[in-house]
């Protein structure tokens, strides 16, 4: 059996990824400065999503791995 990316699925029990919590992506906050009017400038935090580096976007880790 393979997953949606074509990689083979691990046999046996799997562990939910500890880094992304199984969501497959991580929020990467960025701070932006927006000029609301001519007198005021406000800061705003927006999130950009990136693929989880630990599970490579699968949401699971192969085998049973206790959290470190």
PDB file of N, CA and C in Angstrom:
ATOM      1  N   UNK A   1       0.834  -1.181   0.000  1.00  0.00           N
ATOM      2  CA  UNK A   1       0.000   0.000   0.000  1.00  0.00           C
ATOM      3  C   UNK A   1       0.883   1.249   0.000  1.00  0.00           C
ATOM      4  N   UNK A   2       0.386   2.306  -0.627  1.00  0.00           N
ATOM      5  CA  UNK A   2       1.130   3.565  -0.666  1.00  0.00           C
ATOM      6  C   UNK A   2       0.207   4.702  -0.248  1.00  0.00           C
ATOM      7  N   UNK A   3       0.805   5.813   0.173  1.00  0.00           N
ATOM      8  CA  UNK A   3       0.019   6.995   0.531  1.00  0.00           C
ATOM      9  C   UNK A   3      -0.224   7.838  -0.715  1.00  0.00           C
ATOM     10  N   UNK A   4      -0.795   9.044  -0.529  1.00  0.00           N
ATOM     11  CA  UNK A   4      -1.146   9.879  -1.681  1.00  0.00           C
ATOM     12  C   UNK A   4       0.058  10.398  -2.440  1.00  0.00           C
ATOM     13  N   UNK A   5       1.251  10.375  -1.828  1.00  0.00           N
ATOM     14  CA  UNK A   5       2.455  10.832  -2.530  1.00  0.00           C
ATOM     15  C   UNK A   5       3.202   9.682  -3.200  1.00  0.00           C
ATOM     16  N   UNK A   6       2.717   8.453  -3.030  1.00  0.00           N
ATOM     17  CA  UNK A   6       3.373   7.314  -3.648  1.00  0.00           C
ATOM     18  C   UNK A   6       4.397   6.629  -2.776  1.00  0.00           C
ATOM     19  N   UNK A   7       4.613   7.139  -1.566  1.00  0.00           N
ATOM     20  CA  UNK A   7       5.569   6.499  -0.654  1.00  0.00           C
ATOM     21  C   UNK A   7       4.915   5.293   0.008  1.00  0.00           C
ATOM     22  N   UNK A   8       5.665   4.220   0.263  1.00  0.00           N
ATOM     23  CA  UNK A   8       5.060   3.053   0.922  1.00  0.00           C
ATOM     24  C   UNK A   8       4.687   3.379   2.365  1.00  0.00           C
ATOM     25  N   UNK A   9       3.538   2.866   2.782  1.00  0.00           N
ATOM     26  CA  UNK A   9       3.094   3.052   4.167  1.00  0.00           C
ATOM     27  C   UNK A   9       3.857   2.107   5.087  1.00  0.00           C
ATOM     28  N   UNK A  10       4.123   2.557   6.302  1.00  0.00           N
ATOM     29  CA  UNK A  10       4.807   1.720   7.278  1.00  0.00           C
ATOM     30  C   UNK A  10       3.845   0.653   7.795  1.00  0.00           C
ATOM     31  N   UNK A  11       4.339  -0.554   7.933  1.00  0.00           N
ATOM     32  CA  UNK A  11       3.518  -1.639   8.466  1.00  0.00           C
ATOM     33  C   UNK A  11       3.528  -1.570   9.983  1.00  0.00           C
ATOM     34  N   UNK A  12       2.449  -1.956  10.592  1.00  0.00           N
ATOM     35  CA  UNK A  12       2.380  -1.945  12.044  1.00  0.00           C
ATOM     36  C   UNK A  12       1.877  -0.613  12.559  1.00  0.00           C
ATOM     37  N   UNK A  13       1.990  -0.395  13.854  1.00  0.00           N
ATOM     38  CA  UNK A  13       1.467   0.859  14.435  1.00  0.00           C
ATOM     39  C   UNK A  13       2.338   2.054  14.055  1.00  0.00           C
ATOM     40  N   UNK A  14       1.692   3.183  13.876  1.00  0.00           N
ATOM     41  CA  UNK A  14       2.382   4.431  13.575  1.00  0.00           C
ATOM     42  C   UNK A  14       2.163   5.406  14.717  1.00  0.00           C
ATOM     43  N   UNK A  15       3.012   6.396  14.798  1.00  0.00           N
ATOM     44  CA  UNK A  15       2.919   7.426  15.820  1.00  0.00           C
ATOM     45  C   UNK A  15       2.515   8.732  15.167  1.00  0.00           C
ATOM     46  N   UNK A  16       1.613   9.459  15.803  1.00  0.00           N
ATOM     47  CA  UNK A  16       1.247  10.790  15.341  1.00  0.00           C
ATOM     48  C   UNK A  16       2.475  11.688  15.464  1.00  0.00           C
ATOM     49  N   UNK A  17       2.727  12.506  14.465  1.00  0.00           N
ATOM     50  CA  UNK A  17       3.899  13.383  14.478  1.00  0.00           C
ATOM     51  C   UNK A  17       3.788  14.375  15.637  1.00  0.00           C
ATOM     52  N   UNK A  18       4.846  14.498  16.419  1.00  0.00           N
ATOM     53  CA  UNK A  18       4.837  15.372  17.589  1.00  0.00           C
ATOM     54  C   UNK A  18       4.997  16.836  17.211  1.00  0.00           C
ATOM     55  N   UNK A  19       5.637  17.103  16.091  1.00  0.00           N
ATOM     56  CA  UNK A  19       5.896  18.477  15.694  1.00  0.00           C
ATOM     57  C   UNK A  19       4.644  19.168  15.165  1.00  0.00           C
ATOM     58  N   UNK A  20       3.924  18.504  14.258  1.00  0.00           N
ATOM     59  CA  UNK A  20       2.739  19.126  13.650  1.00  0.00           C
ATOM     60  C   UNK A  20       1.430  18.617  14.243  1.00  0.00           C
ATOM     61  N   UNK A  21       1.469  17.603  15.085  1.00  0.00           N
ATOM     62  CA  UNK A  21       0.251  17.064  15.682  1.00  0.00           C
ATOM     63  C   UNK A  21      -0.632  16.350  14.678  1.00  0.00           C
ATOM     64  N   UNK A  22      -0.077  15.893  13.572  1.00  0.00           N
ATOM     65  CA  UNK A  22      -0.835  15.194  12.548  1.00  0.00           C
ATOM     66  C   UNK A  22      -1.474  16.106  11.517  1.00  0.00           C
ATOM     67  N   UNK A  23      -1.270  17.420  11.627  1.00  0.00           N
ATOM     68  CA  UNK A  23      -1.881  18.363  10.678  1.00  0.00           C
ATOM     69  C   UNK A  23      -1.092  18.483   9.376  1.00  0.00           C
ATOM     70  N   UNK A  24       0.090  17.921   9.314  1.00  0.00           N
ATOM     71  CA  UNK A  24       0.955  17.877   8.133  1.00  0.00           C
ATOM     72  C   UNK A  24       1.624  19.198   7.784  1.00  0.00           C
ATOM     73  N   UNK A  25       1.226  20.283   8.420  1.00  0.00           N
ATOM     74  CA  UNK A  25       1.811  21.596   8.136  1.00  0.00           C
ATOM     75  C   UNK A  25       2.043  22.348   9.437  1.00  0.00           C
ATOM     76  N   UNK A  26       2.972  23.289   9.414  1.00  0.00           N
ATOM     77  CA  UNK A  26       3.272  24.142  10.557  1.00  0.00           C
ATOM     78  C   UNK A  26       2.986  25.587  10.206  1.00  0.00           C
ATOM     79  N   UNK A  27       2.517  26.327  11.179  1.00  0.00           N
ATOM     80  CA  UNK A  27       2.277  27.743  10.996  1.00  0.00           C
ATOM     81  C   UNK A  27       3.593  28.481  11.185  1.00  0.00           C
ATOM     82  N   UNK A  28       3.916  29.331  10.255  1.00  0.00           N
ATOM     83  CA  UNK A  28       5.143  30.114  10.304  1.00  0.00           C
ATOM     84  C   UNK A  28       4.750  31.581  10.390  1.00  0.00           C
ATOM     85  N   UNK A  29       4.669  32.154  11.634  1.00  0.00           N
ATOM     86  CA  UNK A  29       4.175  33.529  11.758  1.00  0.00           C
ATOM     87  C   UNK A  29       5.154  34.554  11.184  1.00  0.00           C
ATOM     88  N   UNK A  30       4.591  35.550  10.549  1.00  0.00           N
ATOM     89  CA  UNK A  30       5.356  36.670   9.995  1.00  0.00           C
ATOM     90  C   UNK A  30       4.739  37.957  10.502  1.00  0.00           C
ATOM     91  N   UNK A  31       5.558  38.945  10.753  1.00  0.00           N
ATOM     92  CA  UNK A  31       5.065  40.244  11.213  1.00  0.00           C
ATOM     93  C   UNK A  31       5.132  41.218  10.048  1.00  0.00           C
ATOM     94  N   UNK A  32       4.020  41.864   9.798  1.00  0.00           N
ATOM     95  CA  UNK A  32       3.927  42.851   8.734  1.00  0.00           C
ATOM     96  C   UNK A  32       3.565  44.201   9.332  1.00  0.00           C
ATOM     97  N   UNK A  33       4.079  45.262   8.770  1.00  0.00           N
ATOM     98  CA  UNK A  33       3.711  46.609   9.178  1.00  0.00           C
ATOM     99  C   UNK A  33       2.849  47.198   8.074  1.00  0.00           C
ATOM    100  N   UNK A  34       1.659  47.632   8.468  1.00  0.00           N
ATOM    101  CA  UNK A  34       0.689  48.167   7.516  1.00  0.00           C
ATOM    102  C   UNK A  34       0.417  49.616   7.876  1.00  0.00           C
ATOM    103  N   UNK A  35       0.450  50.495   6.897  1.00  0.00           N
ATOM    104  CA  UNK A  35       0.116  51.898   7.143  1.00  0.00           C
ATOM    105  C   UNK A  35      -1.391  52.054   6.958  1.00  0.00           C
ATOM    106  N   UNK A  36      -2.109  52.168   8.100  1.00  0.00           N
ATOM    107  CA  UNK A  36      -3.575  52.268   8.064  1.00  0.00           C
ATOM    108  C   UNK A  36      -4.013  53.633   7.549  1.00  0.00           C
ATOM    109  N   UNK A  37      -3.438  54.683   8.089  1.00  0.00           N
ATOM    110  CA  UNK A  37      -3.723  56.053   7.610  1.00  0.00           C
ATOM    111  C   UNK A  37      -2.384  56.766   7.503  1.00  0.00           C
ATOM    112  N   UNK A  38      -2.420  58.026   7.209  1.00  0.00           N
ATOM    113  CA  UNK A  38      -1.166  58.774   7.096  1.00  0.00           C
ATOM    114  C   UNK A  38      -0.506  58.966   8.454  1.00  0.00           C
ATOM    115  N   UNK A  39      -1.279  58.946   9.548  1.00  0.00           N
ATOM    116  CA  UNK A  39      -0.726  59.175  10.884  1.00  0.00           C
ATOM    117  C   UNK A  39      -0.368  57.870  11.619  1.00  0.00           C
ATOM    118  N   UNK A  40      -0.979  56.775  11.279  1.00  0.00           N
ATOM    119  CA  UNK A  40      -0.768  55.552  12.064  1.00  0.00           C
ATOM    120  C   UNK A  40      -0.211  54.427  11.211  1.00  0.00           C
ATOM    121  N   UNK A  41       0.635  53.666  11.826  1.00  0.00           N
ATOM    122  CA  UNK A  41       1.133  52.421  11.254  1.00  0.00           C
ATOM    123  C   UNK A  41       0.850  51.330  12.267  1.00  0.00           C
ATOM    124  N   UNK A  42       0.318  50.229  11.832  1.00  0.00           N
ATOM    125  CA  UNK A  42      -0.005  49.140  12.744  1.00  0.00           C
ATOM    126  C   UNK A  42       0.767  47.896  12.348  1.00  0.00           C
ATOM    127  N   UNK A  43       1.068  47.080  13.347  1.00  0.00           N
ATOM    128  CA  UNK A  43       1.714  45.802  13.107  1.00  0.00           C
ATOM    129  C   UNK A  43       0.670  44.701  13.082  1.00  0.00           C
ATOM    130  N   UNK A  44       0.878  43.729  12.248  1.00  0.00           N
ATOM    131  CA  UNK A  44      -0.086  42.655  12.106  1.00  0.00           C
ATOM    132  C   UNK A  44       0.691  41.348  11.917  1.00  0.00           C
ATOM    133  N   UNK A  45       0.270  40.306  12.598  1.00  0.00           N
ATOM    134  CA  UNK A  45       0.902  39.010  12.441  1.00  0.00           C
ATOM    135  C   UNK A  45       0.029  38.139  11.550  1.00  0.00           C
ATOM    136  N   UNK A  46       0.623  37.601  10.510  1.00  0.00           N
ATOM    137  CA  UNK A  46      -0.076  36.693   9.613  1.00  0.00           C
ATOM    138  C   UNK A  46       0.701  35.385   9.580  1.00  0.00           C
ATOM    139  N   UNK A  47      -0.016  34.296   9.410  1.00  0.00           N
ATOM    140  CA  UNK A  47       0.627  32.979   9.390  1.00  0.00           C
ATOM    141  C   UNK A  47       0.758  32.482   7.963  1.00  0.00           C
ATOM    142  N   UNK A  48       1.906  31.934   7.674  1.00  0.00           N
ATOM    143  CA  UNK A  48       2.132  31.245   6.406  1.00  0.00           C
ATOM    144  C   UNK A  48       2.349  29.775   6.744  1.00  0.00           C
ATOM    145  N   UNK A  49       1.840  28.886   5.948  1.00  0.00           N
ATOM    146  CA  UNK A  49       1.941  27.456   6.224  1.00  0.00           C
ATOM    147  C   UNK A  49       3.110  26.854   5.465  1.00  0.00           C
ATOM    148  N   UNK A  50       3.817  25.944   6.133  1.00  0.00           N
ATOM    149  CA  UNK A  50       4.907  25.215   5.487  1.00  0.00           C
ATOM    150  C   UNK A  50       4.805  23.745   5.872  1.00  0.00           C
ATOM    151  N   UNK A  51       5.352  22.876   5.066  1.00  0.00           N
ATOM    152  CA  UNK A  51       5.300  21.435   5.306  1.00  0.00           C
ATOM    153  C   UNK A  51       6.145  21.076   6.527  1.00  0.00           C
ATOM    154  N   UNK A  52       5.641  20.163   7.334  1.00  0.00           N
ATOM    155  CA  UNK A  52       6.352  19.743   8.549  1.00  0.00           C
ATOM    156  C   UNK A  52       7.675  19.073   8.169  1.00  0.00           C
ATOM    157  N   UNK A  53       8.801  19.512   8.748  1.00  0.00           N
ATOM    158  CA  UNK A  53      10.088  18.928   8.391  1.00  0.00           C
ATOM    159  C   UNK A  53      10.328  17.556   9.016  1.00  0.00           C
ATOM    160  N   UNK A  54       9.645  17.238  10.092  1.00  0.00           N
ATOM    161  CA  UNK A  54       9.907  15.962  10.774  1.00  0.00           C
ATOM    162  C   UNK A  54       9.222  14.791  10.074  1.00  0.00           C
ATOM    163  N   UNK A  55       7.971  14.962   9.671  1.00  0.00           N
ATOM    164  CA  UNK A  55       7.239  13.853   9.041  1.00  0.00           C
ATOM    165  C   UNK A  55       7.139  14.011   7.527  1.00  0.00           C
ATOM    166  N   UNK A  56       7.710  15.052   6.958  1.00  0.00           N
ATOM    167  CA  UNK A  56       7.666  15.351   5.523  1.00  0.00           C
ATOM    168  C   UNK A  56       6.244  15.443   4.985  1.00  0.00           C
ATOM    169  N   UNK A  57       5.335  15.950   5.808  1.00  0.00           N
ATOM    170  CA  UNK A  57       3.970  16.175   5.364  1.00  0.00           C
ATOM    171  C   UNK A  57       3.058  14.978   5.420  1.00  0.00           C
ATOM    172  N   UNK A  58       3.472  13.875   6.052  1.00  0.00           N
ATOM    173  CA  UNK A  58       2.599  12.702   6.138  1.00  0.00           C
ATOM    174  C   UNK A  58       1.725  12.732   7.386  1.00  0.00           C
ATOM    175  N   UNK A  59       2.137  13.454   8.427  1.00  0.00           N
ATOM    176  CA  UNK A  59       1.374  13.533   9.666  1.00  0.00           C
ATOM    177  C   UNK A  59       1.644  12.393  10.623  1.00  0.00           C
ATOM    178  N   UNK A  60       2.403  11.388  10.177  1.00  0.00           N
ATOM    179  CA  UNK A  60       2.709  10.227  11.018  1.00  0.00           C
ATOM    180  C   UNK A  60       4.194   9.899  10.950  1.00  0.00           C
ATOM    181  N   UNK A  61       4.670   9.262  11.996  1.00  0.00           N
ATOM    182  CA  UNK A  61       6.024   8.750  12.046  1.00  0.00           C
ATOM    183  C   UNK A  61       5.931   7.229  12.092  1.00  0.00           C
ATOM    184  N   UNK A  62       6.791   6.516  11.381  1.00  0.00           N
ATOM    185  CA  UNK A  62       6.692   5.054  11.364  1.00  0.00           C
ATOM    186  C   UNK A  62       7.074   4.444  12.706  1.00  0.00           C
ATOM    187  N   UNK A  63       6.335   3.443  13.129  1.00  0.00           N
ATOM    188  CA  UNK A  63       6.629   2.742  14.377  1.00  0.00           C
ATOM    189  C   UNK A  63       6.154   3.502  15.592  1.00  0.00           C
ATOM    190  N   UNK A  64       6.406   2.938  16.748  1.00  0.00           N
ATOM    191  CA  UNK A  64       6.035   3.572  18.009  1.00  0.00           C
ATOM    192  C   UNK A  64       7.256   4.313  18.530  1.00  0.00           C
ATOM    193  N   UNK A  65       7.155   5.634  18.625  1.00  0.00           N
ATOM    194  CA  UNK A  65       8.271   6.463  19.057  1.00  0.00           C
ATOM    195  C   UNK A  65       7.799   7.325  20.231  1.00  0.00           C
ATOM    196  N   UNK A  66       8.367   7.127  21.425  1.00  0.00           N
ATOM    197  CA  UNK A  66       7.968   7.973  22.539  1.00  0.00           C
ATOM    198  C   UNK A  66       8.478   9.412  22.358  1.00  0.00           C
ATOM    199  N   UNK A  67       7.749  10.400  22.862  1.00  0.00           N
ATOM    200  CA  UNK A  67       8.239  11.782  22.727  1.00  0.00           C
ATOM    201  C   UNK A  67       9.523  11.979  23.506  1.00  0.00           C
ATOM    202  N   UNK A  68      10.396  12.799  22.968  1.00  0.00           N
ATOM    203  CA  UNK A  68      11.689  13.039  23.611  1.00  0.00           C
ATOM    204  C   UNK A  68      11.607  14.299  24.439  1.00  0.00           C
TER     205      UNK A  68
END
